[in-house]
Amino acid sequence: SETEDVIRDVSFEVPVGSIAAIVGPTGCGKSSLMNVIAGLYEPVSGQIFADIKNTAIVFQEPFLFSGSIRENICLDREVTERQIENAQFVSAVSEFLNGFETGLETLVGERGVTISGGQRQRIALARALVCEPALLLLDDTTSALDPETEQMIIERIKAGIRTTTILLVAARPSTIALADVVIFMEEGGISGIGTHDVLMATNSQYSDLINSFENDRLRSHHD
């Protein structure tokens, strides 16, 4: 039997050094698109022009191995202390590191079981940032963080890593609004491209989705 394409008729450009948010309802193909761009899936047709060899991807459920925070960030790569400090700051690892007596040398258990989900996500982000990738893919990477920390990290990325192009899957309106361009997906295709403000004003499906995200956030906050 014929299989249906998960992603189809998708075409867009993201300027070097900018942030693009990929937004859409559950199951619309956002994660599949990220995996194709990262080279984890082979596209059936079409082409992707990206610096795959200098691309880092961070998933929603990051993997940490049993070792120190430093080892999990560096992964035996030759990186300078300046690079480690910068990655720590941008990813907000430095925000919680002061609470650990041994700092970067603090040991985390297999899969990072001894630390919180938000701390694991921040360490995984620092790991991706430490080698200053040309393309950074964030697949709902900061979902375990509170909105204020997530927004702070995105703002630090914008301010401090001007040569890195970032594609991020996001569902928080405050984070989406920080992107230079929004790629709105529905049912495996693109339904709109533009800034958050323009799409809110011109695309009713997009504005309905963003309003539902905001309502979900308010409900969970009250709960």
Protein backbone atom coordinates (compact mmCIF):
# COMPACT_ATOMS: atom_id res chain seq x y z
CA SER A 1 0.00 0.00 0.00
CA GLU A 2 1.11 3.54 -0.65
CA THR A 3 2.50 5.47 2.29
CA GLU A 4 1.54 9.07 2.92
CA ASP A 5 4.28 11.69 3.17
CA VAL A 6 4.73 13.02 6.70
CA ILE A 7 6.08 16.31 5.29
CA ARG A 8 5.26 17.66 1.86
CA ASP A 9 5.69 20.85 -0.17
CA VAL A 10 7.88 22.41 2.51
CA SER A 11 10.15 25.21 1.32
CA PHE A 12 11.73 28.01 3.34
CA GLU A 13 14.98 29.89 3.93
CA VAL A 14 16.38 31.00 7.26
CA PRO A 15 19.03 33.77 7.18
CA VAL A 16 22.34 33.01 8.88
CA GLY A 17 22.37 34.10 12.51
CA SER A 18 18.60 34.33 12.87
CA ILE A 19 16.08 32.40 14.96
CA ALA A 20 13.18 30.58 13.29
CA ALA A 21 10.36 29.11 15.37
CA ILE A 22 8.52 26.08 13.98
CA VAL A 23 4.98 26.20 15.31
CA GLY A 24 1.98 23.95 14.77
CA PRO A 25 -0.51 21.58 16.38
CA THR A 26 0.51 18.16 17.68
CA GLY A 27 1.27 15.69 14.89
CA CYS A 28 1.75 18.25 12.12
CA GLY A 29 5.32 17.12 11.34
CA LYS A 30 7.46 19.55 13.34
CA SER A 31 9.77 16.93 14.86
CA SER A 32 9.98 15.02 11.56
CA LEU A 33 11.07 18.22 9.84
CA MET A 34 13.77 18.78 12.46
CA ASN A 35 15.03 15.21 12.04
CA VAL A 36 15.21 15.63 8.26
CA ILE A 37 17.16 18.89 8.59
CA ALA A 38 19.52 17.23 11.09
CA GLY A 39 20.18 14.41 8.63
CA LEU A 40 18.56 11.77 10.87
CA TYR A 41 15.89 11.08 8.24
CA GLU A 42 16.58 10.85 4.52
CA PRO A 43 14.11 12.92 2.48
CA VAL A 44 12.30 11.01 -0.28
CA SER A 45 12.48 14.05 -2.54
CA GLY A 46 13.78 17.61 -2.45
CA GLN A 47 17.00 19.04 -1.05
CA ILE A 48 18.23 20.59 2.16
CA PHE A 49 21.02 23.13 2.10
CA ALA A 50 22.52 23.29 5.59
CA ASP A 51 25.89 22.81 7.28
CA ILE A 52 25.03 19.32 8.54
CA LYS A 53 28.59 18.63 9.73
CA ASN A 54 28.39 21.62 12.04
CA THR A 55 24.83 21.08 13.26
CA ALA A 56 23.73 20.30 16.82
CA ILE A 57 20.28 19.03 17.80
CA VAL A 58 18.80 18.93 21.30
CA PHE A 59 15.74 16.77 21.91
CA GLN A 60 12.95 17.21 24.45
CA GLU A 61 14.23 14.17 26.39
CA PRO A 62 18.03 14.64 26.50
CA PHE A 63 20.37 11.76 27.30
CA LEU A 64 22.95 12.24 30.03
CA PHE A 65 25.44 9.55 30.96
CA SER A 66 26.84 8.71 34.37
CA GLY A 67 29.66 11.19 34.94
CA SER A 68 30.26 14.81 35.85
CA ILE A 69 28.36 17.79 34.48
CA ARG A 70 31.60 18.89 32.81
CA GLU A 71 31.99 15.49 31.09
CA ASN A 72 28.38 15.62 29.89
CA ILE A 73 28.93 19.06 28.39
CA CYS A 74 32.34 18.42 26.80
CA LEU A 75 31.99 14.78 25.64
CA ASP A 76 35.79 14.41 25.31
CA ARG A 77 35.91 17.25 22.77
CA GLU A 78 38.72 19.79 22.95
CA VAL A 79 37.01 22.91 24.23
CA THR A 80 38.37 25.89 26.13
CA GLU A 81 37.27 27.08 29.55
CA ARG A 82 35.91 30.21 27.85
CA GLN A 83 33.69 28.06 25.61
CA ILE A 84 32.46 26.08 28.62
CA GLU A 85 31.73 29.26 30.60
CA ASN A 86 29.89 30.81 27.66
CA ALA A 87 27.80 27.66 27.08
CA GLN A 88 27.02 27.51 30.81
CA PHE A 89 25.85 31.12 30.84
CA VAL A 90 23.72 31.00 27.69
CA SER A 91 22.03 27.72 28.69
CA ALA A 92 21.49 28.97 32.26
CA VAL A 93 23.42 26.01 33.70
CA SER A 94 25.37 28.59 35.72
CA GLU A 95 22.06 29.58 37.35
CA PHE A 96 21.80 26.29 39.27
CA LEU A 97 25.48 25.27 39.35
CA ASN A 98 26.19 27.46 42.37
CA GLY A 99 23.85 25.25 44.38
CA PHE A 100 26.15 22.25 43.83
CA GLU A 101 29.15 22.06 46.16
CA THR A 102 31.43 20.61 43.47
CA GLY A 103 30.10 22.73 40.58
CA LEU A 104 30.96 21.35 37.15
CA GLU A 105 32.52 18.26 38.75
CA THR A 106 29.16 17.26 40.28
CA LEU A 107 28.30 13.69 39.29
CA VAL A 108 24.96 12.92 37.68
CA GLY A 109 23.56 9.40 37.63
CA GLU A 110 22.81 7.36 34.52
CA ARG A 111 20.40 9.38 32.35
CA GLY A 112 20.79 12.24 34.82
CA VAL A 113 18.44 10.72 37.39
CA THR A 114 19.95 12.75 40.25
CA ILE A 115 18.94 16.11 38.76
CA SER A 116 15.68 17.66 37.58
CA GLY A 117 14.26 17.53 34.05
CA GLY A 118 14.90 21.24 33.58
CA GLN A 119 18.52 20.86 34.70
CA ARG A 120 19.00 17.96 32.27
CA GLN A 121 17.63 20.06 29.42
CA ARG A 122 19.96 22.94 30.27
CA ILE A 123 23.02 20.66 30.39
CA ALA A 124 22.06 19.15 27.02
CA LEU A 125 21.73 22.66 25.60
CA ALA A 126 25.16 23.62 26.97
CA ARG A 127 26.58 20.48 25.33
CA ALA A 128 25.18 21.62 21.97
CA LEU A 129 26.35 25.22 22.40
CA VAL A 130 29.89 24.55 23.62
CA CYS A 131 31.29 23.93 20.13
CA GLU A 132 29.47 26.93 18.66
CA PRO A 133 27.52 25.12 15.90
CA ALA A 134 26.57 26.85 12.66
CA LEU A 135 23.05 25.41 12.97
CA LEU A 136 21.30 24.65 16.26
CA LEU A 137 18.07 22.62 16.25
CA LEU A 138 15.97 22.72 19.41
CA ASP A 139 13.09 20.24 19.38
CA ASP A 140 10.92 21.42 22.29
CA THR A 141 14.18 21.49 24.20
CA THR A 142 13.13 23.83 27.01
CA SER A 143 9.69 22.33 27.74
CA ALA A 144 10.62 21.41 31.34
CA LEU A 145 11.69 24.97 32.15
CA ASP A 146 9.50 27.71 33.55
CA PRO A 147 8.57 30.40 30.98
CA GLU A 148 10.87 33.02 32.53
CA THR A 149 13.96 30.77 32.33
CA GLU A 150 13.08 29.68 28.79
CA GLN A 151 12.70 33.30 27.68
CA MET A 152 15.99 34.25 29.36
CA ILE A 153 17.83 31.47 27.53
CA ILE A 154 16.40 32.46 24.12
CA GLU A 155 17.33 36.10 24.77
CA ARG A 156 20.88 35.08 25.74
CA ILE A 157 21.16 32.99 22.59
CA LYS A 158 20.02 35.95 20.48
CA ALA A 159 22.46 38.32 22.17
CA GLY A 160 25.50 36.09 22.48
CA ILE A 161 25.61 33.71 19.50
CA ARG A 162 25.14 35.91 16.47
CA THR A 163 26.70 33.49 13.95
CA THR A 164 24.56 30.48 14.92
CA THR A 165 21.31 29.92 13.03
CA ILE A 166 18.61 28.47 15.26
CA LEU A 167 15.50 26.47 14.43
CA LEU A 168 13.32 25.75 17.42
CA VAL A 169 10.05 23.94 17.96
CA ALA A 170 8.13 26.07 20.43
CA ALA A 171 4.67 26.28 22.00
CA ARG A 172 4.99 29.20 24.41
CA PRO A 173 3.80 32.50 22.88
CA SER A 174 6.47 34.46 24.78
CA THR A 175 9.21 32.30 23.23
CA ILE A 176 7.68 32.28 19.75
CA ALA A 177 7.50 36.10 19.81
CA LEU A 178 11.30 36.28 20.22
CA ALA A 179 11.91 34.50 16.90
CA ASP A 180 12.90 36.51 13.82
CA VAL A 181 10.58 34.39 11.68
CA VAL A 182 7.82 31.86 12.41
CA ILE A 183 7.18 28.82 10.22
CA PHE A 184 3.57 27.73 10.82
CA MET A 185 2.89 24.07 9.99
CA GLU A 186 -0.37 22.17 9.59
CA GLU A 187 -0.81 18.54 8.46
CA GLY A 188 2.75 18.17 7.17
CA GLY A 189 2.86 21.41 5.18
CA ILE A 190 3.53 25.10 5.73
CA SER A 191 0.46 27.27 6.25
CA GLY A 192 2.26 30.54 6.84
CA ILE A 193 5.67 32.18 7.19
CA GLY A 194 6.29 35.57 8.78
CA THR A 195 6.89 37.31 12.06
CA HIS A 196 4.73 36.36 15.03
CA ASP A 197 2.91 39.70 14.95
CA VAL A 198 2.17 39.50 11.21
CA LEU A 199 0.85 35.93 11.45
CA MET A 200 -1.29 36.85 14.46
CA ALA A 201 -2.86 39.61 12.39
CA THR A 202 -3.24 37.78 9.07
CA ASN A 203 -3.57 34.02 9.75
CA SER A 204 -6.66 33.02 11.76
CA GLN A 205 -5.53 29.40 12.18
CA TYR A 206 -2.24 30.61 13.63
CA SER A 207 -3.86 33.11 15.99
CA ASP A 208 -6.36 30.46 17.14
CA LEU A 209 -3.49 28.05 17.90
CA ILE A 210 -1.48 30.68 19.79
CA ASN A 211 -4.54 31.64 21.81
CA SER A 212 -5.10 27.97 22.69
CA PHE A 213 -1.44 27.71 23.81
CA GLU A 214 -1.94 30.77 26.02
CA ASN A 215 -5.19 29.42 27.47
CA ASP A 216 -3.50 26.09 28.26
CA ARG A 217 -0.68 27.97 29.98
CA LEU A 218 -3.09 30.02 32.08
CA ARG A 219 -5.06 26.90 33.08
CA SER A 220 -1.91 25.03 34.14
CA HIS A 221 -0.75 28.12 36.05
CA HIS A 222 -4.01 28.28 38.00
CA ASP A 223 -3.90 24.53 38.67
